[in-house]
Amino acid sequence: MGRTSDARAKILSAARSLIELRGYSALGVAEICKAAGVPKGSFYYFFESKEALALAVIDEHWTGQRNTWERILNGGDAPLDRLRRLFEETEAGQLAGQESCGSVSGCLFGNLTLEMSNQTESVRARLQEIFEAQVAMVDSVIAEALERQEVSVSDTREAARSVVAQLEGQVLFAKLYNNTRRLGSLWPNCLALLGVRTADQVTAGA
């Protein structure tokens, strides 16, 4: 196979799968190309280094995730209903991954943060941008909920940061224990973080 756009897509797909399965550091270019079914020369045609490939994998994954988050969080339902659906779809995605490969893969961004943030500045900077974008999206939803007097927080930005951190941490625990049931407490914990007493209050618009 020559140096085609198809080859680039295959390299990205193979790299993402291998990173989710084994992590970034243990991978070599030859292994990635073998999994992608492309010659090694194709790799260096599209990517100047393995680090450049990691950034491309991150960007591709974020494009898909951002579209999902925007679809959920920018919908027309009540703000806390949108936030709850974000958690539900996150849990469903982890469960689907577990059923597909036999283990919980966790969050690609969280996994790379743990593995690479102290080693590769460009990756750390990109991951910071992504997490800040996530916080901003959640902040907007919490601000709406505050206007409706559905939550009681003094700083919506910091509340959003706590919600994203909780989401990331629970996904990490699900990966650690290989158990998606660890994600079941996401919504009750989020309600507590935001100062909502019960789910019934949210449903009733209290």
Protein backbone atom coordinates (compact mmCIF):
# COMPACT_ATOMS: atom_id res chain seq x y z
CA MET A 1 0.00 0.00 0.00
CA GLY A 2 1.35 3.40 -0.93
CA ARG A 3 1.43 6.70 0.84
CA THR A 4 -2.29 7.42 0.72
CA SER A 5 -4.78 9.07 3.03
CA ASP A 6 -6.04 5.56 3.72
CA ALA A 7 -2.63 4.64 5.10
CA ARG A 8 -2.71 7.60 7.49
CA ALA A 9 -6.15 6.61 8.75
CA LYS A 10 -4.99 3.03 9.29
CA ILE A 11 -1.93 4.18 11.22
CA LEU A 12 -4.07 6.41 13.46
CA SER A 13 -6.59 3.65 14.09
CA ALA A 14 -3.92 1.08 14.89
CA ALA A 15 -2.02 3.49 17.13
CA ARG A 16 -5.12 4.41 19.10
CA SER A 17 -6.06 0.74 19.63
CA LEU A 18 -2.54 -0.17 20.72
CA ILE A 19 -2.25 2.85 23.04
CA GLU A 20 -5.56 1.95 24.69
CA LEU A 21 -4.45 -1.65 25.08
CA ARG A 22 -0.80 -1.27 26.11
CA GLY A 23 0.03 2.39 26.57
CA TYR A 24 2.23 4.68 24.51
CA SER A 25 5.76 4.13 25.79
CA ALA A 26 5.94 0.40 25.03
CA LEU A 27 4.99 0.85 21.38
CA GLY A 28 7.43 1.02 18.51
CA VAL A 29 6.90 2.40 15.04
CA ALA A 30 7.40 -1.01 13.44
CA GLU A 31 4.71 -2.56 15.63
CA ILE A 32 2.26 0.22 14.82
CA CYS A 33 2.89 -0.16 11.09
CA LYS A 34 2.50 -3.93 11.29
CA ALA A 35 -0.84 -3.57 13.06
CA ALA A 36 -1.92 -0.98 10.49
CA GLY A 37 -0.78 -3.11 7.57
CA VAL A 38 1.33 -0.34 6.06
CA PRO A 39 5.05 -0.09 5.22
CA LYS A 40 7.25 1.73 7.70
CA GLY A 41 8.00 4.42 5.15
CA SER A 42 4.35 5.44 5.20
CA PHE A 43 4.63 6.29 8.89
CA TYR A 44 7.36 8.86 8.36
CA TYR A 45 5.58 10.27 5.34
CA PHE A 46 2.66 11.30 7.57
CA PHE A 47 4.33 11.70 10.98
CA GLU A 48 7.76 13.08 11.74
CA SER A 49 7.95 11.18 15.04
CA LYS A 50 6.03 8.93 17.40
CA GLU A 51 5.26 12.02 19.47
CA ALA A 52 3.63 13.64 16.44
CA LEU A 53 1.54 10.51 16.02
CA ALA A 54 0.44 10.67 19.67
CA LEU A 55 -0.71 14.27 19.16
CA ALA A 56 -2.62 13.26 16.04
CA VAL A 57 -4.32 10.41 17.92
CA ILE A 58 -5.26 12.83 20.71
CA ASP A 59 -6.67 15.37 18.25
CA GLU A 60 -8.67 12.77 16.34
CA HIS A 61 -10.13 11.34 19.56
CA TRP A 62 -10.99 14.82 20.85
CA THR A 63 -12.78 15.71 17.62
CA GLY A 64 -15.12 12.78 18.11
CA GLN A 65 -15.53 13.29 21.84
CA ARG A 66 -16.11 17.03 21.50
CA ASN A 67 -18.88 16.39 18.98
CA THR A 68 -20.51 13.98 21.41
CA TRP A 69 -20.22 16.37 24.36
CA GLU A 70 -21.60 19.26 22.29
CA ARG A 71 -24.53 17.15 21.10
CA ILE A 72 -25.41 16.22 24.67
CA LEU A 73 -24.61 19.41 26.55
CA ASN A 74 -25.98 21.86 23.99
CA GLY A 75 -29.34 20.14 23.69
CA GLY A 76 -32.69 21.66 24.54
CA ASP A 77 -33.44 19.71 27.72
CA ALA A 78 -32.98 20.93 31.28
CA PRO A 79 -29.30 21.53 32.08
CA LEU A 80 -28.95 18.81 34.71
CA ASP A 81 -30.70 16.31 32.44
CA ARG A 82 -28.02 17.04 29.84
CA LEU A 83 -25.24 16.57 32.37
CA ARG A 84 -26.76 13.29 33.54
CA ARG A 85 -26.87 12.01 29.95
CA LEU A 86 -23.18 12.82 29.57
CA PHE A 87 -22.44 10.50 32.48
CA GLU A 88 -24.78 7.84 31.14
CA GLU A 89 -23.16 7.87 27.70
CA THR A 90 -19.71 7.77 29.27
CA GLU A 91 -20.71 4.68 31.26
CA ALA A 92 -22.27 3.08 28.17
CA GLY A 93 -19.12 3.73 26.16
CA GLN A 94 -16.90 2.09 28.75
CA LEU A 95 -19.25 -0.89 28.96
CA ALA A 96 -19.24 -1.29 25.18
CA GLY A 97 -15.45 -1.22 25.19
CA GLN A 98 -15.31 -3.85 27.91
CA GLU A 99 -17.70 -6.12 26.01
CA SER A 100 -15.63 -5.67 22.85
CA CYS A 101 -12.12 -6.33 24.16
CA GLY A 102 -12.69 -7.90 27.58
CA SER A 103 -11.38 -5.03 29.69
CA VAL A 104 -12.27 -1.46 30.57
CA SER A 105 -10.05 0.80 28.46
CA GLY A 106 -10.59 3.95 30.52
CA CYS A 107 -10.17 7.44 29.09
CA LEU A 108 -7.52 7.89 26.43
CA PHE A 109 -6.78 11.39 27.72
CA GLY A 110 -6.56 10.26 31.32
CA ASN A 111 -4.34 7.31 30.42
CA LEU A 112 -1.94 9.52 28.46
CA THR A 113 -1.95 12.14 31.21
CA LEU A 114 -0.71 9.56 33.68
CA GLU A 115 1.84 8.12 31.29
CA MET A 116 3.21 11.10 29.38
CA SER A 117 2.45 14.43 31.05
CA ASN A 118 5.78 14.52 32.90
CA GLN A 119 7.74 13.39 29.84
CA THR A 120 6.40 15.21 26.78
CA GLU A 121 5.57 18.89 27.08
CA SER A 122 3.66 19.10 23.80
CA VAL A 123 1.36 16.27 24.86
CA ARG A 124 0.85 17.76 28.30
CA ALA A 125 -0.04 21.15 26.80
CA ARG A 126 -2.54 19.58 24.40
CA LEU A 127 -4.18 17.55 27.15
CA GLN A 128 -4.45 20.67 29.31
CA GLU A 129 -6.26 22.44 26.47
CA ILE A 130 -8.69 19.55 26.10
CA PHE A 131 -9.50 19.30 29.79
CA GLU A 132 -9.98 23.07 29.98
CA ALA A 133 -12.38 22.83 27.02
CA GLN A 134 -14.31 20.10 28.83
CA VAL A 135 -14.48 22.23 31.97
CA ALA A 136 -15.77 25.19 29.95
CA MET A 137 -18.53 23.09 28.41
CA VAL A 138 -19.65 21.76 31.79
CA ASP A 139 -19.36 25.24 33.30
CA SER A 140 -21.89 26.55 30.79
CA VAL A 141 -24.39 23.86 31.80
CA ILE A 142 -23.89 24.44 35.53
CA ALA A 143 -24.34 28.18 35.02
CA GLU A 144 -27.71 27.48 33.39
CA ALA A 145 -28.69 25.25 36.30
CA LEU A 146 -27.67 27.97 38.75
CA GLU A 147 -29.89 30.49 36.97
CA ARG A 148 -32.76 28.05 37.38
CA GLN A 149 -31.86 27.67 41.08
CA GLU A 150 -31.34 23.93 40.61
CA VAL A 151 -27.85 23.97 42.12
CA SER A 152 -26.16 25.86 44.92
CA VAL A 153 -22.55 26.60 44.03
CA SER A 154 -20.60 29.80 44.50
CA ASP A 155 -18.17 29.33 41.59
CA THR A 156 -19.52 27.51 38.54
CA ARG A 157 -16.06 27.20 36.96
CA GLU A 158 -14.58 25.42 39.96
CA ALA A 159 -17.72 23.30 40.26
CA ALA A 160 -17.29 22.28 36.64
CA ARG A 161 -13.65 21.42 37.27
CA SER A 162 -14.72 19.18 40.15
CA VAL A 163 -17.34 17.47 38.00
CA VAL A 164 -14.83 16.76 35.21
CA ALA A 165 -12.28 15.54 37.77
CA GLN A 166 -14.87 13.22 39.29
CA LEU A 167 -15.81 11.87 35.88
CA GLU A 168 -12.16 11.26 35.03
CA GLY A 169 -11.42 9.69 38.41
CA GLN A 170 -14.36 7.30 38.31
CA VAL A 171 -13.39 6.18 34.81
CA LEU A 172 -9.87 5.59 36.12
CA PHE A 173 -11.26 3.43 38.95
CA ALA A 174 -13.40 1.50 36.46
CA LYS A 175 -10.24 0.76 34.47
CA LEU A 176 -8.25 -0.15 37.58
CA TYR A 177 -10.86 -2.60 38.84
CA ASN A 178 -11.99 -3.60 35.34
CA ASN A 179 -15.52 -2.97 36.51
CA THR A 180 -17.93 -0.50 34.92
CA ARG A 181 -20.14 -0.66 38.01
CA ARG A 182 -17.64 1.77 39.52
CA LEU A 183 -19.31 4.37 37.29
CA GLY A 184 -22.72 3.91 38.89
CA SER A 185 -22.05 6.53 41.56
CA LEU A 186 -21.23 9.29 39.05
CA TRP A 187 -24.63 10.95 39.01
CA PRO A 188 -25.38 10.85 42.77
CA ASN A 189 -21.90 12.22 43.46
CA CYS A 190 -22.39 14.96 40.88
CA LEU A 191 -25.65 16.01 42.55
CA ALA A 192 -23.84 16.23 45.86
CA LEU A 193 -21.01 18.29 44.33
CA LEU A 194 -23.51 20.74 42.89
CA GLY A 195 -25.59 21.06 46.03
CA VAL A 196 -28.66 19.23 44.74
CA ARG A 197 -30.27 17.18 47.48
CA THR A 198 -32.00 14.45 45.49
CA ALA A 199 -32.56 13.33 41.94
CA ASP A 200 -36.30 13.78 42.52
CA GLN A 201 -35.74 17.49 43.02
CA VAL A 202 -33.98 17.74 39.69
CA THR A 203 -36.74 15.84 37.90
CA ALA A 204 -39.36 18.10 39.45
CA GLY A 205 -37.37 21.20 38.52
CA ALA A 206 -37.01 22.17 42.20
